Amino acid sequence: IFIQQGASDPESLMSILARAKALMDQHNVRLVVIDSIANAFKDVLSSEGRPSDALYRIMNLLKRYASEYDACVVLTNHVSDHIEDSAVHRATKRAEVPLHTSGRRVKASLGMGFAQSVTCRYFVSRLHGIRLNEREYDTSGCVRAFAVVFSPFQGIRDTNYIINQSGVWGIPDEVIKEADREPLASPIMEDGHHHG
């Protein structure tokens, strides 16, 4: 496992990806994870309001790595609150799949151009207002959802799950419906962390 931190701008991310190529050549690496790609573009987004050409160069490089090395490339992205404040947002609303986490509508930080440049899109979220019995399920009670937003290999669908000491466990819809009917024993704490 090669872990590299500090990709705080597009140039440093390109440098890390050059080193990753050497690892792929020498050690048969077949999985590349970038968590989160938005970190390298936060200053660009705040100054320009949109991703730079560097984002598209990096995306093309990652697609080339995936193809040449038969590798899986996983990118996480941040989300932010979705605020409809212009005609442009209202016009693009039809093209977007609505995303919700912790009871709020959100959007991907790097925008639709980035979203459309990936092969598959998945969304991980917290289900707002639903908690499971902590003793019965050996969990903090927080239920999450994993959704297929776009994939040429499968239809749009989702599943609910929990994480506990022994792993990740799927939660049947019937359990969610029952938990939804029960009053909450304590207020839900929101941690503010979202993945997309």
C-alpha atoms as a PDB file:
ATOM      1  CA  ILE A   1       0.000   0.000   0.000  1.00  0.00           C
ATOM      2  CA  PHE A   2       1.351   3.392  -1.013  1.00  0.00           C
ATOM      3  CA  ILE A   3      -0.210   6.340   0.826  1.00  0.00           C
ATOM      4  CA  GLN A   4       0.643   9.862  -0.173  1.00  0.00           C
ATOM      5  CA  GLN A   5      -0.806  12.950   1.439  1.00  0.00           C
ATOM      6  CA  GLY A   6      -0.560  16.578   0.510  1.00  0.00           C
ATOM      7  CA  ALA A   7      -2.243  16.887  -2.885  1.00  0.00           C
ATOM      8  CA  SER A   8      -3.409  20.421  -2.140  1.00  0.00           C
ATOM      9  CA  ASP A   9      -3.313  21.690  -5.729  1.00  0.00           C
ATOM     10  CA  PRO A  10      -3.459  20.218  -9.258  1.00  0.00           C
ATOM     11  CA  GLU A  11       0.335  20.271  -9.730  1.00  0.00           C
ATOM     12  CA  SER A  12       1.026  18.268  -6.549  1.00  0.00           C
ATOM     13  CA  LEU A  13      -1.667  15.743  -7.538  1.00  0.00           C
ATOM     14  CA  MET A  14      -0.052  15.327 -10.989  1.00  0.00           C
ATOM     15  CA  SER A  15       3.301  14.722  -9.269  1.00  0.00           C
ATOM     16  CA  ILE A  16       1.787  12.048  -7.011  1.00  0.00           C
ATOM     17  CA  LEU A  17       0.124  10.392 -10.010  1.00  0.00           C
ATOM     18  CA  ALA A  18       3.505  10.235 -11.797  1.00  0.00           C
ATOM     19  CA  ARG A  19       4.888   8.312  -8.789  1.00  0.00           C
ATOM     20  CA  ALA A  20       1.787   6.120  -8.802  1.00  0.00           C
ATOM     21  CA  LYS A  21       2.542   5.172 -12.423  1.00  0.00           C
ATOM     22  CA  ALA A  22       5.983   3.920 -11.365  1.00  0.00           C
ATOM     23  CA  LEU A  23       4.341   1.772  -8.664  1.00  0.00           C
ATOM     24  CA  MET A  24       1.884   0.399 -11.191  1.00  0.00           C
ATOM     25  CA  ASP A  25       4.777  -0.493 -13.495  1.00  0.00           C
ATOM     26  CA  GLN A  26       6.959  -2.085 -10.808  1.00  0.00           C
ATOM     27  CA  HIS A  27       4.505  -3.639  -8.326  1.00  0.00           C
ATOM     28  CA  ASN A  28       1.438  -4.641 -10.327  1.00  0.00           C
ATOM     29  CA  VAL A  29      -0.803  -2.109  -8.529  1.00  0.00           C
ATOM     30  CA  ARG A  30      -4.428  -2.410  -9.695  1.00  0.00           C
ATOM     31  CA  LEU A  31      -6.261  -0.051  -7.337  1.00  0.00           C
ATOM     32  CA  VAL A  32      -5.838   3.726  -7.119  1.00  0.00           C
ATOM     33  CA  VAL A  33      -7.890   5.677  -4.571  1.00  0.00           C
ATOM     34  CA  ILE A  34      -7.922   9.479  -4.398  1.00  0.00           C
ATOM     35  CA  ASP A  35      -9.715  10.760  -1.306  1.00  0.00           C
ATOM     36  CA  SER A  36     -10.794  13.450  -2.081  1.00  0.00           C
ATOM     37  CA  ILE A  37     -10.111  14.795  -5.549  1.00  0.00           C
ATOM     38  CA  ALA A  38     -11.843  18.028  -4.552  1.00  0.00           C
ATOM     39  CA  ASN A  39      -8.958  18.827  -2.136  1.00  0.00           C
ATOM     40  CA  ALA A  40      -6.611  19.485  -5.030  1.00  0.00           C
ATOM     41  CA  PHE A  41      -9.061  21.914  -6.621  1.00  0.00           C
ATOM     42  CA  LYS A  42     -10.516  23.822  -3.680  1.00  0.00           C
ATOM     43  CA  ASP A  43      -8.447  26.967  -4.344  1.00  0.00           C
ATOM     44  CA  VAL A  44      -9.161  26.805  -8.082  1.00  0.00           C
ATOM     45  CA  LEU A  45     -12.886  26.443  -7.431  1.00  0.00           C
ATOM     46  CA  SER A  46     -12.986  29.318  -4.966  1.00  0.00           C
ATOM     47  CA  SER A  47     -11.128  31.691  -7.302  1.00  0.00           C
ATOM     48  CA  GLU A  48     -12.598  30.673 -10.667  1.00  0.00           C
ATOM     49  CA  GLY A  49     -15.903  29.153  -9.580  1.00  0.00           C
ATOM     50  CA  ARG A  50     -15.370  26.138 -11.861  1.00  0.00           C
ATOM     51  CA  PRO A  51     -12.800  23.362 -12.317  1.00  0.00           C
ATOM     52  CA  SER A  52      -9.735  24.200 -14.374  1.00  0.00           C
ATOM     53  CA  ASP A  53      -8.334  22.470 -17.432  1.00  0.00           C
ATOM     54  CA  ALA A  54      -6.012  20.686 -15.005  1.00  0.00           C
ATOM     55  CA  LEU A  55      -8.984  18.669 -13.717  1.00  0.00           C
ATOM     56  CA  TYR A  56      -9.702  17.371 -17.203  1.00  0.00           C
ATOM     57  CA  ARG A  57      -6.009  16.543 -17.754  1.00  0.00           C
ATOM     58  CA  ILE A  58      -5.960  14.590 -14.484  1.00  0.00           C
ATOM     59  CA  MET A  59      -9.188  12.789 -15.359  1.00  0.00           C
ATOM     60  CA  ASN A  60      -7.777  11.797 -18.761  1.00  0.00           C
ATOM     61  CA  LEU A  61      -4.573  10.552 -17.108  1.00  0.00           C
ATOM     62  CA  LEU A  62      -6.564   8.440 -14.629  1.00  0.00           C
ATOM     63  CA  LYS A  63      -8.648   6.967 -17.451  1.00  0.00           C
ATOM     64  CA  ARG A  64      -5.428   6.090 -19.270  1.00  0.00           C
ATOM     65  CA  TYR A  65      -4.052   4.374 -16.134  1.00  0.00           C
ATOM     66  CA  ALA A  66      -7.288   2.403 -15.768  1.00  0.00           C
ATOM     67  CA  SER A  67      -7.106   1.269 -19.377  1.00  0.00           C
ATOM     68  CA  GLU A  68      -3.372   0.551 -19.665  1.00  0.00           C
ATOM     69  CA  TYR A  69      -3.045  -1.254 -16.326  1.00  0.00           C
ATOM     70  CA  ASP A  70      -6.531  -2.778 -16.146  1.00  0.00           C
ATOM     71  CA  ALA A  71      -6.826  -0.901 -12.855  1.00  0.00           C
ATOM     72  CA  CYS A  72      -9.751   0.361 -10.811  1.00  0.00           C
ATOM     73  CA  VAL A  73      -9.618   4.092 -10.042  1.00  0.00           C
ATOM     74  CA  VAL A  74     -11.819   5.295  -7.176  1.00  0.00           C
ATOM     75  CA  LEU A  75     -12.320   9.001  -6.545  1.00  0.00           C
ATOM     76  CA  THR A  76     -14.199  10.538  -3.668  1.00  0.00           C
ATOM     77  CA  ASN A  77     -15.637  14.007  -3.989  1.00  0.00           C
ATOM     78  CA  HIS A  78     -17.122  16.444  -1.521  1.00  0.00           C
ATOM     79  CA  VAL A  79     -20.688  17.657  -1.644  1.00  0.00           C
ATOM     80  CA  SER A  80     -22.123  21.016  -0.685  1.00  0.00           C
ATOM     81  CA  ASP A  81     -25.626  22.284  -0.080  1.00  0.00           C
ATOM     82  CA  HIS A  82     -27.585  22.679  -3.295  1.00  0.00           C
ATOM     83  CA  ILE A  83     -28.969  26.202  -3.560  1.00  0.00           C
ATOM     84  CA  GLU A  84     -31.134  27.066  -6.537  1.00  0.00           C
ATOM     85  CA  ASP A  85     -30.269  30.686  -7.101  1.00  0.00           C
ATOM     86  CA  SER A  86     -30.265  31.173 -10.842  1.00  0.00           C
ATOM     87  CA  ALA A  87     -31.890  30.205 -14.099  1.00  0.00           C
ATOM     88  CA  VAL A  88     -28.791  28.131 -14.917  1.00  0.00           C
ATOM     89  CA  HIS A  89     -29.310  25.995 -11.795  1.00  0.00           C
ATOM     90  CA  ARG A  90     -32.976  25.533 -12.611  1.00  0.00           C
ATOM     91  CA  ALA A  91     -32.139  24.587 -16.226  1.00  0.00           C
ATOM     92  CA  THR A  92     -29.525  21.998 -15.200  1.00  0.00           C
ATOM     93  CA  LYS A  93     -31.784  20.562 -12.481  1.00  0.00           C
ATOM     94  CA  ARG A  94     -33.433  18.279 -15.018  1.00  0.00           C
ATOM     95  CA  ALA A  95     -30.057  16.735 -15.945  1.00  0.00           C
ATOM     96  CA  GLU A  96     -29.061  16.003 -12.339  1.00  0.00           C
ATOM     97  CA  VAL A  97     -30.125  13.121 -10.145  1.00  0.00           C
ATOM     98  CA  PRO A  98     -31.246  14.718  -6.846  1.00  0.00           C
ATOM     99  CA  LEU A  99     -28.864  13.789  -4.023  1.00  0.00           C
ATOM    100  CA  HIS A 100     -29.826  13.998  -0.343  1.00  0.00           C
ATOM    101  CA  THR A 101     -27.878  13.374   2.843  1.00  0.00           C
ATOM    102  CA  SER A 102     -28.734  14.141   6.464  1.00  0.00           C
ATOM    103  CA  GLY A 103     -32.062  15.539   5.271  1.00  0.00           C
ATOM    104  CA  ARG A 104     -30.542  18.116   2.908  1.00  0.00           C
ATOM    105  CA  ARG A 105     -30.273  18.341  -0.859  1.00  0.00           C
ATOM    106  CA  VAL A 106     -26.630  18.452  -1.947  1.00  0.00           C
ATOM    107  CA  LYS A 107     -24.579  18.605  -5.127  1.00  0.00           C
ATOM    108  CA  ALA A 108     -21.126  17.353  -6.128  1.00  0.00           C
ATOM    109  CA  SER A 109     -18.431  19.962  -5.468  1.00  0.00           C
ATOM    110  CA  LEU A 110     -16.661  19.737  -8.814  1.00  0.00           C
ATOM    111  CA  GLY A 111     -19.839  20.185 -10.836  1.00  0.00           C
ATOM    112  CA  MET A 112     -21.586  18.380 -13.642  1.00  0.00           C
ATOM    113  CA  GLY A 113     -18.582  18.492 -16.000  1.00  0.00           C
ATOM    114  CA  PHE A 114     -16.606  16.388 -13.553  1.00  0.00           C
ATOM    115  CA  ALA A 115     -19.570  14.147 -12.787  1.00  0.00           C
ATOM    116  CA  GLN A 116     -20.028  13.378 -16.473  1.00  0.00           C
ATOM    117  CA  SER A 117     -16.353  12.508 -16.962  1.00  0.00           C
ATOM    118  CA  VAL A 118     -16.445   9.451 -14.681  1.00  0.00           C
ATOM    119  CA  THR A 119     -17.611   6.006 -15.757  1.00  0.00           C
ATOM    120  CA  CYS A 120     -19.710   5.197 -12.680  1.00  0.00           C
ATOM    121  CA  ARG A 121     -21.093   7.489  -9.981  1.00  0.00           C
ATOM    122  CA  TYR A 122     -22.057   6.299  -6.516  1.00  0.00           C
ATOM    123  CA  PHE A 123     -23.381   8.314  -3.605  1.00  0.00           C
ATOM    124  CA  VAL A 124     -22.911   7.478   0.076  1.00  0.00           C
ATOM    125  CA  SER A 125     -25.210   9.303   2.480  1.00  0.00           C
ATOM    126  CA  ARG A 126     -26.727   9.263   5.944  1.00  0.00           C
ATOM    127  CA  LEU A 127     -30.428   8.582   6.310  1.00  0.00           C
ATOM    128  CA  HIS A 128     -31.856  11.494   8.265  1.00  0.00           C
ATOM    129  CA  GLY A 129     -34.168  10.671  11.152  1.00  0.00           C
ATOM    130  CA  ILE A 130     -33.625   6.890  11.151  1.00  0.00           C
ATOM    131  CA  ARG A 131     -31.685   5.105  13.868  1.00  0.00           C
ATOM    132  CA  LEU A 132     -31.521   1.419  14.721  1.00  0.00           C
ATOM    133  CA  ASN A 133     -31.539  -0.248  18.117  1.00  0.00           C
ATOM    134  CA  GLU A 134     -27.899   0.071  19.176  1.00  0.00           C
ATOM    135  CA  ARG A 135     -27.795  -3.152  21.215  1.00  0.00           C
ATOM    136  CA  GLU A 136     -29.557  -5.331  18.656  1.00  0.00           C
ATOM    137  CA  TYR A 137     -27.370  -4.212  15.739  1.00  0.00           C
ATOM    138  CA  ASP A 138     -24.095  -3.492  17.604  1.00  0.00           C
ATOM    139  CA  THR A 139     -23.896  -0.059  16.031  1.00  0.00           C
ATOM    140  CA  SER A 140     -24.108   3.627  16.839  1.00  0.00           C
ATOM    141  CA  GLY A 141     -27.523   3.471  15.187  1.00  0.00           C
ATOM    142  CA  CYS A 142     -26.606   5.594  12.173  1.00  0.00           C
ATOM    143  CA  VAL A 143     -27.928   4.131   8.934  1.00  0.00           C
ATOM    144  CA  ARG A 144     -26.260   4.970   5.649  1.00  0.00           C
ATOM    145  CA  ALA A 145     -27.296   4.457   2.041  1.00  0.00           C
ATOM    146  CA  PHE A 146     -25.152   3.469  -0.921  1.00  0.00           C
ATOM    147  CA  ALA A 147     -26.742   4.490  -4.217  1.00  0.00           C
ATOM    148  CA  VAL A 148     -25.831   3.911  -7.854  1.00  0.00           C
ATOM    149  CA  VAL A 149     -26.300   7.341  -9.441  1.00  0.00           C
ATOM    150  CA  PHE A 150     -24.986   6.396 -12.867  1.00  0.00           C
ATOM    151  CA  SER A 151     -23.416   3.274 -14.298  1.00  0.00           C
ATOM    152  CA  PRO A 152     -23.410   1.748 -17.773  1.00  0.00           C
ATOM    153  CA  PHE A 153     -23.215  -1.652 -16.062  1.00  0.00           C
ATOM    154  CA  GLN A 154     -26.266  -1.500 -13.773  1.00  0.00           C
ATOM    155  CA  GLY A 155     -29.469   0.424 -13.184  1.00  0.00           C
ATOM    156  CA  ILE A 156     -30.017   3.144 -10.634  1.00  0.00           C
ATOM    157  CA  ARG A 157     -30.619   1.536  -7.247  1.00  0.00           C
ATOM    158  CA  ASP A 158     -29.593   1.808  -3.626  1.00  0.00           C
ATOM    159  CA  THR A 159     -29.110  -0.203  -0.462  1.00  0.00           C
ATOM    160  CA  ASN A 160     -29.034   0.678   3.228  1.00  0.00           C
ATOM    161  CA  TYR A 161     -26.255  -0.419   5.558  1.00  0.00           C
ATOM    162  CA  ILE A 162     -24.589   0.047   8.924  1.00  0.00           C
ATOM    163  CA  ILE A 163     -20.963  -0.157   9.981  1.00  0.00           C
ATOM    164  CA  ASN A 164     -20.072  -1.856  13.239  1.00  0.00           C
ATOM    165  CA  GLN A 165     -17.076  -3.585  14.864  1.00  0.00           C
ATOM    166  CA  SER A 166     -17.495  -6.713  12.743  1.00  0.00           C
ATOM    167  CA  GLY A 167     -17.861  -5.024   9.345  1.00  0.00           C
ATOM    168  CA  VAL A 168     -20.376  -3.539   6.944  1.00  0.00           C
ATOM    169  CA  TRP A 169     -23.883  -5.005   7.055  1.00  0.00           C
ATOM    170  CA  GLY A 170     -26.830  -4.532   4.726  1.00  0.00           C
ATOM    171  CA  ILE A 171     -30.108  -3.551   6.357  1.00  0.00           C
ATOM    172  CA  PRO A 172     -33.368  -4.893   4.860  1.00  0.00           C
ATOM    173  CA  ASP A 173     -36.003  -2.302   3.909  1.00  0.00           C
ATOM    174  CA  GLU A 174     -38.441  -3.778   6.467  1.00  0.00           C
ATOM    175  CA  VAL A 175     -36.021  -2.918   9.295  1.00  0.00           C
ATOM    176  CA  ILE A 176     -35.707   0.651   7.996  1.00  0.00           C
ATOM    177  CA  LYS A 177     -39.495   1.025   7.809  1.00  0.00           C
ATOM    178  CA  GLU A 178     -39.844  -0.240  11.377  1.00  0.00           C
ATOM    179  CA  ALA A 179     -37.076   2.068  12.662  1.00  0.00           C
ATOM    180  CA  ASP A 180     -38.756   4.971  10.865  1.00  0.00           C
ATOM    181  CA  ARG A 181     -41.958   4.372  12.878  1.00  0.00           C
ATOM    182  CA  GLU A 182     -40.219   4.265  16.270  1.00  0.00           C
ATOM    183  CA  PRO A 183     -39.589   7.548  18.138  1.00  0.00           C
ATOM    184  CA  LEU A 184     -35.952   8.544  18.477  1.00  0.00           C
ATOM    185  CA  ALA A 185     -34.443   8.016  21.911  1.00  0.00           C
ATOM    186  CA  SER A 186     -31.977  10.868  21.454  1.00  0.00           C
ATOM    187  CA  PRO A 187     -31.414  13.659  18.952  1.00  0.00           C
ATOM    188  CA  ILE A 188     -29.422  12.773  15.852  1.00  0.00           C
ATOM    189  CA  MET A 189     -25.921  14.172  15.826  1.00  0.00           C
ATOM    190  CA  GLU A 190     -24.716  15.297  12.422  1.00  0.00           C
ATOM    191  CA  ASP A 191     -20.989  15.068  11.815  1.00  0.00           C
ATOM    192  CA  GLY A 192     -20.935  17.128   8.629  1.00  0.00           C
ATOM    193  CA  HIS A 193     -18.934  14.547   6.654  1.00  0.00           C
ATOM    194  CA  HIS A 194     -20.353  13.498   3.318  1.00  0.00           C
ATOM    195  CA  HIS A 195     -18.908  11.387   0.531  1.00  0.00           C
ATOM    196  CA  GLY A 196     -19.762  11.400  -3.105  1.00  0.00           C
END
